[in-house]
Amino acid sequence: MNAARGTFSPERFVCAEEAASFLGVNRRFLLALARKGIAGAYPIGTGDFRKTWVFKLSELAAAIDHRHSRFSQDKPRYDPDQGSPR
């Protein structure tokens, strides 16, 4: 939001290369996540076989953060003072 004018500027979409760089992952891995439905990925076009994907970085970051926090709560962390987890 532009406070001086009181207008809202929507977040821009970015290409797969930029989104992958932002996340620190390979472009092909990101596209695989997009096909599986990760939040923040949007297909453009009408092709059945190939789609062009665009991404919103804030939604990708939130999706990754949500998945990370969910998995870290499910499993207890390894404590080296407790010995082997087996």
PDB file of N, CA and C in Angstrom:
ATOM      1  N   MET A   1       0.848  -1.178   0.000  1.00  0.00           N
ATOM      2  CA  MET A   1       0.000   0.000   0.000  1.00  0.00           C
ATOM      3  C   MET A   1       0.890   1.236   0.000  1.00  0.00           C
ATOM      4  N   ASN A   2       0.592   2.165  -0.848  1.00  0.00           N
ATOM      5  CA  ASN A   2       1.311   3.419  -0.930  1.00  0.00           C
ATOM      6  C   ASN A   2       0.654   4.394   0.043  1.00  0.00           C
ATOM      7  N   ALA A   3       1.328   4.661   1.162  1.00  0.00           N
ATOM      8  CA  ALA A   3       0.734   5.487   2.212  1.00  0.00           C
ATOM      9  C   ALA A   3       0.487   6.915   1.751  1.00  0.00           C
ATOM     10  N   ALA A   4       1.342   7.410   0.878  1.00  0.00           N
ATOM     11  CA  ALA A   4       1.190   8.788   0.425  1.00  0.00           C
ATOM     12  C   ALA A   4      -0.087   8.968  -0.391  1.00  0.00           C
ATOM     13  N   ARG A   5      -0.426   7.987  -1.191  1.00  0.00           N
ATOM     14  CA  ARG A   5      -1.612   8.095  -2.049  1.00  0.00           C
ATOM     15  C   ARG A   5      -2.802   7.286  -1.536  1.00  0.00           C
ATOM     16  N   GLY A   6      -2.550   6.385  -0.606  1.00  0.00           N
ATOM     17  CA  GLY A   6      -3.615   5.536  -0.109  1.00  0.00           C
ATOM     18  C   GLY A   6      -4.040   4.475  -1.107  1.00  0.00           C
ATOM     19  N   THR A   7      -3.148   4.104  -2.027  1.00  0.00           N
ATOM     20  CA  THR A   7      -3.469   3.095  -3.034  1.00  0.00           C
ATOM     21  C   THR A   7      -2.790   1.783  -2.688  1.00  0.00           C
ATOM     22  N   PHE A   8      -3.342   0.735  -3.200  1.00  0.00           N
ATOM     23  CA  PHE A   8      -2.818  -0.606  -2.954  1.00  0.00           C
ATOM     24  C   PHE A   8      -2.069  -1.091  -4.188  1.00  0.00           C
ATOM     25  N   SER A   9      -0.847  -1.576  -3.990  1.00  0.00           N
ATOM     26  CA  SER A   9      -0.062  -2.154  -5.088  1.00  0.00           C
ATOM     27  C   SER A   9       0.024  -3.655  -4.853  1.00  0.00           C
ATOM     28  N   PRO A  10      -0.606  -4.448  -5.691  1.00  0.00           N
ATOM     29  CA  PRO A  10      -0.555  -5.902  -5.478  1.00  0.00           C
ATOM     30  C   PRO A  10       0.852  -6.436  -5.705  1.00  0.00           C
ATOM     31  N   GLU A  11       1.145  -7.516  -5.018  1.00  0.00           N
ATOM     32  CA  GLU A  11       2.446  -8.168  -5.192  1.00  0.00           C
ATOM     33  C   GLU A  11       2.562  -8.678  -6.623  1.00  0.00           C
ATOM     34  N   ARG A  12       3.707  -8.485  -7.215  1.00  0.00           N
ATOM     35  CA  ARG A  12       3.900  -8.935  -8.584  1.00  0.00           C
ATOM     36  C   ARG A  12       4.197 -10.434  -8.613  1.00  0.00           C
ATOM     37  N   PHE A  13       3.882 -11.051  -9.721  1.00  0.00           N
ATOM     38  CA  PHE A  13       4.217 -12.448  -9.943  1.00  0.00           C
ATOM     39  C   PHE A  13       5.645 -12.532 -10.469  1.00  0.00           C
ATOM     40  N   VAL A  14       6.326 -13.630 -10.152  1.00  0.00           N
ATOM     41  CA  VAL A  14       7.681 -13.844 -10.647  1.00  0.00           C
ATOM     42  C   VAL A  14       7.735 -15.175 -11.394  1.00  0.00           C
ATOM     43  N   CYS A  15       8.752 -15.325 -12.226  1.00  0.00           N
ATOM     44  CA  CYS A  15       8.937 -16.554 -13.003  1.00  0.00           C
ATOM     45  C   CYS A  15       9.512 -17.659 -12.108  1.00  0.00           C
ATOM     46  N   ALA A  16       9.532 -18.864 -12.649  1.00  0.00           N
ATOM     47  CA  ALA A  16      10.029 -20.020 -11.904  1.00  0.00           C
ATOM     48  C   ALA A  16      11.490 -19.857 -11.515  1.00  0.00           C
ATOM     49  N   GLU A  17      12.295 -19.280 -12.399  1.00  0.00           N
ATOM     50  CA  GLU A  17      13.719 -19.115 -12.106  1.00  0.00           C
ATOM     51  C   GLU A  17      13.929 -18.207 -10.896  1.00  0.00           C
ATOM     52  N   GLU A  18      13.204 -17.088 -10.860  1.00  0.00           N
ATOM     53  CA  GLU A  18      13.340 -16.151  -9.749  1.00  0.00           C
ATOM     54  C   GLU A  18      12.816 -16.755  -8.443  1.00  0.00           C
ATOM     55  N   ALA A  19      11.702 -17.456  -8.520  1.00  0.00           N
ATOM     56  CA  ALA A  19      11.138 -18.090  -7.320  1.00  0.00           C
ATOM     57  C   ALA A  19      12.052 -19.183  -6.791  1.00  0.00           C
ATOM     58  N   ALA A  20      12.624 -19.971  -7.684  1.00  0.00           N
ATOM     59  CA  ALA A  20      13.544 -21.031  -7.258  1.00  0.00           C
ATOM     60  C   ALA A  20      14.786 -20.439  -6.604  1.00  0.00           C
ATOM     61  N   SER A  21      15.295 -19.364  -7.173  1.00  0.00           N
ATOM     62  CA  SER A  21      16.453 -18.689  -6.591  1.00  0.00           C
ATOM     63  C   SER A  21      16.119 -18.147  -5.200  1.00  0.00           C
ATOM     64  N   PHE A  22      14.933 -17.578  -5.055  1.00  0.00           N
ATOM     65  CA  PHE A  22      14.481 -17.048  -3.768  1.00  0.00           C
ATOM     66  C   PHE A  22      14.459 -18.148  -2.704  1.00  0.00           C
ATOM     67  N   LEU A  23      13.970 -19.337  -3.085  1.00  0.00           N
ATOM     68  CA  LEU A  23      13.869 -20.448  -2.136  1.00  0.00           C
ATOM     69  C   LEU A  23      15.169 -21.224  -1.985  1.00  0.00           C
ATOM     70  N   GLY A  24      16.079 -21.032  -2.944  1.00  0.00           N
ATOM     71  CA  GLY A  24      17.344 -21.771  -2.889  1.00  0.00           C
ATOM     72  C   GLY A  24      17.196 -23.209  -3.346  1.00  0.00           C
ATOM     73  N   VAL A  25      16.287 -23.439  -4.294  1.00  0.00           N
ATOM     74  CA  VAL A  25      16.068 -24.787  -4.814  1.00  0.00           C
ATOM     75  C   VAL A  25      16.228 -24.774  -6.325  1.00  0.00           C
ATOM     76  N   ASN A  26      16.297 -25.953  -6.893  1.00  0.00           N
ATOM     77  CA  ASN A  26      16.386 -26.124  -8.334  1.00  0.00           C
ATOM     78  C   ASN A  26      15.046 -25.764  -8.964  1.00  0.00           C
ATOM     79  N   ARG A  27      15.077 -25.157 -10.156  1.00  0.00           N
ATOM     80  CA  ARG A  27      13.860 -24.771 -10.869  1.00  0.00           C
ATOM     81  C   ARG A  27      12.946 -25.968 -11.111  1.00  0.00           C
ATOM     82  N   ARG A  28      13.514 -27.100 -11.504  1.00  0.00           N
ATOM     83  CA  ARG A  28      12.692 -28.285 -11.784  1.00  0.00           C
ATOM     84  C   ARG A  28      11.999 -28.793 -10.522  1.00  0.00           C
ATOM     85  N   PHE A  29      12.682 -28.714  -9.385  1.00  0.00           N
ATOM     86  CA  PHE A  29      12.072 -29.128  -8.121  1.00  0.00           C
ATOM     87  C   PHE A  29      10.886 -28.219  -7.787  1.00  0.00           C
ATOM     88  N   LEU A  30      11.066 -26.920  -7.983  1.00  0.00           N
ATOM     89  CA  LEU A  30       9.978 -25.976  -7.722  1.00  0.00           C
ATOM     90  C   LEU A  30       8.786 -26.257  -8.629  1.00  0.00           C
ATOM     91  N   LEU A  31       9.047 -26.546  -9.902  1.00  0.00           N
ATOM     92  CA  LEU A  31       7.943 -26.847 -10.822  1.00  0.00           C
ATOM     93  C   LEU A  31       7.226 -28.138 -10.422  1.00  0.00           C
ATOM     94  N   ALA A  32       7.957 -29.104  -9.899  1.00  0.00           N
ATOM     95  CA  ALA A  32       7.321 -30.333  -9.402  1.00  0.00           C
ATOM     96  C   ALA A  32       6.414 -30.009  -8.215  1.00  0.00           C
ATOM     97  N   LEU A  33       6.872 -29.133  -7.315  1.00  0.00           N
ATOM     98  CA  LEU A  33       6.027 -28.709  -6.196  1.00  0.00           C
ATOM     99  C   LEU A  33       4.787 -27.974  -6.702  1.00  0.00           C
ATOM    100  N   ALA A  34       4.956 -27.159  -7.736  1.00  0.00           N
ATOM    101  CA  ALA A  34       3.821 -26.430  -8.306  1.00  0.00           C
ATOM    102  C   ALA A  34       2.778 -27.396  -8.845  1.00  0.00           C
ATOM    103  N   ARG A  35       3.220 -28.425  -9.552  1.00  0.00           N
ATOM    104  CA  ARG A  35       2.279 -29.410 -10.098  1.00  0.00           C
ATOM    105  C   ARG A  35       1.567 -30.180  -8.999  1.00  0.00           C
ATOM    106  N   LYS A  36       2.201 -30.294  -7.831  1.00  0.00           N
ATOM    107  CA  LYS A  36       1.571 -30.982  -6.697  1.00  0.00           C
ATOM    108  C   LYS A  36       0.676 -30.058  -5.885  1.00  0.00           C
ATOM    109  N   GLY A  37       0.691 -28.750  -6.216  1.00  0.00           N
ATOM    110  CA  GLY A  37      -0.253 -27.841  -5.584  1.00  0.00           C
ATOM    111  C   GLY A  37       0.282 -26.969  -4.475  1.00  0.00           C
ATOM    112  N   ILE A  38       1.583 -26.696  -4.438  1.00  0.00           N
ATOM    113  CA  ILE A  38       2.113 -25.825  -3.383  1.00  0.00           C
ATOM    114  C   ILE A  38       1.483 -24.434  -3.497  1.00  0.00           C
ATOM    115  N   ALA A  39       1.172 -23.847  -2.357  1.00  0.00           N
ATOM    116  CA  ALA A  39       0.582 -22.506  -2.337  1.00  0.00           C
ATOM    117  C   ALA A  39       1.556 -21.501  -2.929  1.00  0.00           C
ATOM    118  N   GLY A  40       1.015 -20.542  -3.657  1.00  0.00           N
ATOM    119  CA  GLY A  40       1.838 -19.503  -4.253  1.00  0.00           C
ATOM    120  C   GLY A  40       2.186 -19.760  -5.703  1.00  0.00           C
ATOM    121  N   ALA A  41       1.801 -20.924  -6.233  1.00  0.00           N
ATOM    122  CA  ALA A  41       2.074 -21.271  -7.631  1.00  0.00           C
ATOM    123  C   ALA A  41       0.781 -21.174  -8.429  1.00  0.00           C
ATOM    124  N   TYR A  42       0.854 -20.494  -9.571  1.00  0.00           N
ATOM    125  CA  TYR A  42      -0.327 -20.277 -10.400  1.00  0.00           C
ATOM    126  C   TYR A  42      -0.027 -20.630 -11.846  1.00  0.00           C
ATOM    127  N   PRO A  43      -0.796 -21.566 -12.436  1.00  0.00           N
ATOM    128  CA  PRO A  43      -0.584 -21.890 -13.856  1.00  0.00           C
ATOM    129  C   PRO A  43      -1.219 -20.827 -14.750  1.00  0.00           C
ATOM    130  N   ILE A  44      -0.546 -20.527 -15.831  1.00  0.00           N
ATOM    131  CA  ILE A  44      -1.066 -19.581 -16.818  1.00  0.00           C
ATOM    132  C   ILE A  44      -1.191 -20.322 -18.133  1.00  0.00           C
ATOM    133  N   GLY A  45      -2.256 -20.094 -18.834  1.00  0.00           N
ATOM    134  CA  GLY A  45      -2.453 -20.723 -20.135  1.00  0.00           C
ATOM    135  C   GLY A  45      -3.504 -21.804 -20.077  1.00  0.00           C
ATOM    136  N   THR A  46      -3.790 -22.341 -21.243  1.00  0.00           N
ATOM    137  CA  THR A  46      -4.852 -23.332 -21.355  1.00  0.00           C
ATOM    138  C   THR A  46      -4.337 -24.699 -21.775  1.00  0.00           C
ATOM    139  N   GLY A  47      -3.040 -24.860 -21.897  1.00  0.00           N
ATOM    140  CA  GLY A  47      -2.490 -26.137 -22.342  1.00  0.00           C
ATOM    141  C   GLY A  47      -2.758 -27.258 -21.357  1.00  0.00           C
ATOM    142  N   ASP A  48      -3.075 -28.433 -21.891  1.00  0.00           N
ATOM    143  CA  ASP A  48      -3.288 -29.596 -21.032  1.00  0.00           C
ATOM    144  C   ASP A  48      -1.971 -30.251 -20.651  1.00  0.00           C
ATOM    145  N   PHE A  49      -1.002 -30.241 -21.572  1.00  0.00           N
ATOM    146  CA  PHE A  49       0.257 -30.938 -21.318  1.00  0.00           C
ATOM    147  C   PHE A  49       1.265 -30.039 -20.610  1.00  0.00           C
ATOM    148  N   ARG A  50       1.457 -28.839 -21.111  1.00  0.00           N
ATOM    149  CA  ARG A  50       2.431 -27.915 -20.521  1.00  0.00           C
ATOM    150  C   ARG A  50       1.729 -26.653 -20.048  1.00  0.00           C
ATOM    151  N   LYS A  51       2.171 -26.167 -18.906  1.00  0.00           N
ATOM    152  CA  LYS A  51       1.648 -24.922 -18.368  1.00  0.00           C
ATOM    153  C   LYS A  51       2.828 -24.012 -18.055  1.00  0.00           C
ATOM    154  N   THR A  52       2.598 -22.733 -18.135  1.00  0.00           N
ATOM    155  CA  THR A  52       3.568 -21.756 -17.659  1.00  0.00           C
ATOM    156  C   THR A  52       3.169 -21.407 -16.234  1.00  0.00           C
ATOM    157  N   TRP A  53       4.123 -21.468 -15.334  1.00  0.00           N
ATOM    158  CA  TRP A  53       3.845 -21.207 -13.932  1.00  0.00           C
ATOM    159  C   TRP A  53       4.421 -19.867 -13.527  1.00  0.00           C
ATOM    160  N   VAL A  54       3.667 -19.129 -12.727  1.00  0.00           N
ATOM    161  CA  VAL A  54       4.143 -17.908 -12.092  1.00  0.00           C
ATOM    162  C   VAL A  54       3.928 -18.056 -10.587  1.00  0.00           C
ATOM    163  N   PHE A  55       4.660 -17.269  -9.826  1.00  0.00           N
ATOM    164  CA  PHE A  55       4.696 -17.469  -8.382  1.00  0.00           C
ATOM    165  C   PHE A  55       4.613 -16.149  -7.640  1.00  0.00           C
ATOM    166  N   LYS A  56       4.049 -16.212  -6.435  1.00  0.00           N
ATOM    167  CA  LYS A  56       4.074 -15.085  -5.498  1.00  0.00           C
ATOM    168  C   LYS A  56       5.014 -15.491  -4.366  1.00  0.00           C
ATOM    169  N   LEU A  57       6.084 -14.729  -4.199  1.00  0.00           N
ATOM    170  CA  LEU A  57       7.124 -15.092  -3.240  1.00  0.00           C
ATOM    171  C   LEU A  57       6.607 -15.146  -1.805  1.00  0.00           C
ATOM    172  N   SER A  58       5.734 -14.229  -1.431  1.00  0.00           N
ATOM    173  CA  SER A  58       5.234 -14.226  -0.053  1.00  0.00           C
ATOM    174  C   SER A  58       4.433 -15.487   0.252  1.00  0.00           C
ATOM    175  N   GLU A  59       3.642 -15.955  -0.715  1.00  0.00           N
ATOM    176  CA  GLU A  59       2.842 -17.163  -0.508  1.00  0.00           C
ATOM    177  C   GLU A  59       3.719 -18.413  -0.491  1.00  0.00           C
ATOM    178  N   LEU A  60       4.748 -18.440  -1.335  1.00  0.00           N
ATOM    179  CA  LEU A  60       5.690 -19.571  -1.310  1.00  0.00           C
ATOM    180  C   LEU A  60       6.390 -19.640   0.038  1.00  0.00           C
ATOM    181  N   ALA A  61       6.885 -18.502   0.509  1.00  0.00           N
ATOM    182  CA  ALA A  61       7.582 -18.473   1.799  1.00  0.00           C
ATOM    183  C   ALA A  61       6.665 -18.927   2.926  1.00  0.00           C
ATOM    184  N   ALA A  62       5.421 -18.490   2.904  1.00  0.00           N
ATOM    185  CA  ALA A  62       4.467 -18.899   3.944  1.00  0.00           C
ATOM    186  C   ALA A  62       4.188 -20.397   3.868  1.00  0.00           C
ATOM    187  N   ALA A  63       4.084 -20.940   2.650  1.00  0.00           N
ATOM    188  CA  ALA A  63       3.831 -22.372   2.491  1.00  0.00           C
ATOM    189  C   ALA A  63       5.001 -23.196   3.010  1.00  0.00           C
ATOM    190  N   ILE A  64       6.205 -22.772   2.700  1.00  0.00           N
ATOM    191  CA  ILE A  64       7.393 -23.485   3.165  1.00  0.00           C
ATOM    192  C   ILE A  64       7.497 -23.380   4.676  1.00  0.00           C
ATOM    193  N   ASP A  65       7.272 -22.189   5.235  1.00  0.00           N
ATOM    194  CA  ASP A  65       7.337 -21.995   6.677  1.00  0.00           C
ATOM    195  C   ASP A  65       6.286 -22.838   7.383  1.00  0.00           C
ATOM    196  N   HIS A  66       5.078 -22.904   6.805  1.00  0.00           N
ATOM    197  CA  HIS A  66       3.999 -23.700   7.393  1.00  0.00           C
ATOM    198  C   HIS A  66       4.372 -25.178   7.399  1.00  0.00           C
ATOM    199  N   ARG A  67       4.896 -25.682   6.287  1.00  0.00           N
ATOM    200  CA  ARG A  67       5.291 -27.095   6.217  1.00  0.00           C
ATOM    201  C   ARG A  67       6.411 -27.393   7.198  1.00  0.00           C
ATOM    202  N   HIS A  68       7.382 -26.490   7.290  1.00  0.00           N
ATOM    203  CA  HIS A  68       8.512 -26.710   8.190  1.00  0.00           C
ATOM    204  C   HIS A  68       8.050 -26.746   9.636  1.00  0.00           C
ATOM    205  N   SER A  69       7.205 -25.813  10.029  1.00  0.00           N
ATOM    206  CA  SER A  69       6.748 -25.774  11.414  1.00  0.00           C
ATOM    207  C   SER A  69       5.864 -26.972  11.726  1.00  0.00           C
ATOM    208  N   ARG A  70       5.089 -27.444  10.752  1.00  0.00           N
ATOM    209  CA  ARG A  70       4.232 -28.613  10.973  1.00  0.00           C
ATOM    210  C   ARG A  70       5.079 -29.857  11.194  1.00  0.00           C
ATOM    211  N   PHE A  71       6.115 -30.053  10.374  1.00  0.00           N
ATOM    212  CA  PHE A  71       6.953 -31.243  10.507  1.00  0.00           C
ATOM    213  C   PHE A  71       7.815 -31.180  11.761  1.00  0.00           C
ATOM    214  N   SER A  72       8.276 -30.013  12.138  1.00  0.00           N
ATOM    215  CA  SER A  72       9.133 -29.918  13.316  1.00  0.00           C
ATOM    216  C   SER A  72       8.340 -30.166  14.594  1.00  0.00           C
ATOM    217  N   GLN A  73       7.016 -29.942  14.573  1.00  0.00           N
ATOM    218  CA  GLN A  73       6.204 -30.207  15.752  1.00  0.00           C
ATOM    219  C   GLN A  73       5.855 -31.690  15.872  1.00  0.00           C
ATOM    220  N   ASP A  74       5.802 -32.403  14.725  1.00  0.00           N
ATOM    221  CA  ASP A  74       5.425 -33.799  14.747  1.00  0.00           C
ATOM    222  C   ASP A  74       6.512 -34.692  15.343  1.00  0.00           C
ATOM    223  N   LYS A  75       7.766 -34.375  15.067  1.00  0.00           N
ATOM    224  CA  LYS A  75       8.869 -35.219  15.500  1.00  0.00           C
ATOM    225  C   LYS A  75       9.686 -34.502  16.563  1.00  0.00           C
ATOM    226  N   PRO A  76      10.051 -35.220  17.618  1.00  0.00           N
ATOM    227  CA  PRO A  76      10.925 -34.581  18.603  1.00  0.00           C
ATOM    228  C   PRO A  76      12.311 -34.365  18.002  1.00  0.00           C
ATOM    229  N   ARG A  77      12.930 -33.285  18.364  1.00  0.00           N
ATOM    230  CA  ARG A  77      14.273 -33.004  17.861  1.00  0.00           C
ATOM    231  C   ARG A  77      15.287 -33.918  18.535  1.00  0.00           C
ATOM    232  N   TYR A  78      16.341 -34.223  17.794  1.00  0.00           N
ATOM    233  CA  TYR A  78      17.415 -35.050  18.322  1.00  0.00           C
ATOM    234  C   TYR A  78      18.213 -34.262  19.344  1.00  0.00           C
ATOM    235  N   ASP A  79      18.435 -34.848  20.489  1.00  0.00           N
ATOM    236  CA  ASP A  79      19.235 -34.231  21.546  1.00  0.00           C
ATOM    237  C   ASP A  79      20.470 -35.091  21.749  1.00  0.00           C
ATOM    238  N   PRO A  80      21.660 -34.594  21.410  1.00  0.00           N
ATOM    239  CA  PRO A  80      22.866 -35.422  21.516  1.00  0.00           C
ATOM    240  C   PRO A  80      23.155 -35.860  22.949  1.00  0.00           C
ATOM    241  N   ASP A  81      22.678 -35.139  23.944  1.00  0.00           N
ATOM    242  CA  ASP A  81      22.894 -35.539  25.333  1.00  0.00           C
ATOM    243  C   ASP A  81      22.044 -36.746  25.736  1.00  0.00           C
ATOM    244  N   GLN A  82      21.012 -37.027  24.956  1.00  0.00           N
ATOM    245  CA  GLN A  82      20.128 -38.155  25.259  1.00  0.00           C
ATOM    246  C   GLN A  82      20.619 -39.451  24.630  1.00  0.00           C
ATOM    247  N   GLY A  83      21.654 -39.396  23.822  1.00  0.00           N
ATOM    248  CA  GLY A  83      22.144 -40.601  23.158  1.00  0.00           C
ATOM    249  C   GLY A  83      21.427 -40.851  21.862  1.00  0.00           C
ATOM    250  N   SER A  84      21.567 -42.053  21.355  1.00  0.00           N
ATOM    251  CA  SER A  84      20.976 -42.431  20.070  1.00  0.00           C
ATOM    252  C   SER A  84      19.456 -42.474  20.166  1.00  0.00           C
ATOM    253  N   PRO A  85      18.762 -41.982  19.127  1.00  0.00           N
ATOM    254  CA  PRO A  85      17.298 -42.023  19.172  1.00  0.00           C
ATOM    255  C   PRO A  85      16.727 -43.420  18.942  1.00  0.00           C
ATOM    256  N   ARG A  86      17.560 -44.411  18.674  1.00  0.00           N
ATOM    257  CA  ARG A  86      17.070 -45.778  18.424  1.00  0.00           C
ATOM    258  C   ARG A  86      16.871 -46.552  19.678  1.00  0.00           C
TER     259      ARG A  86
END
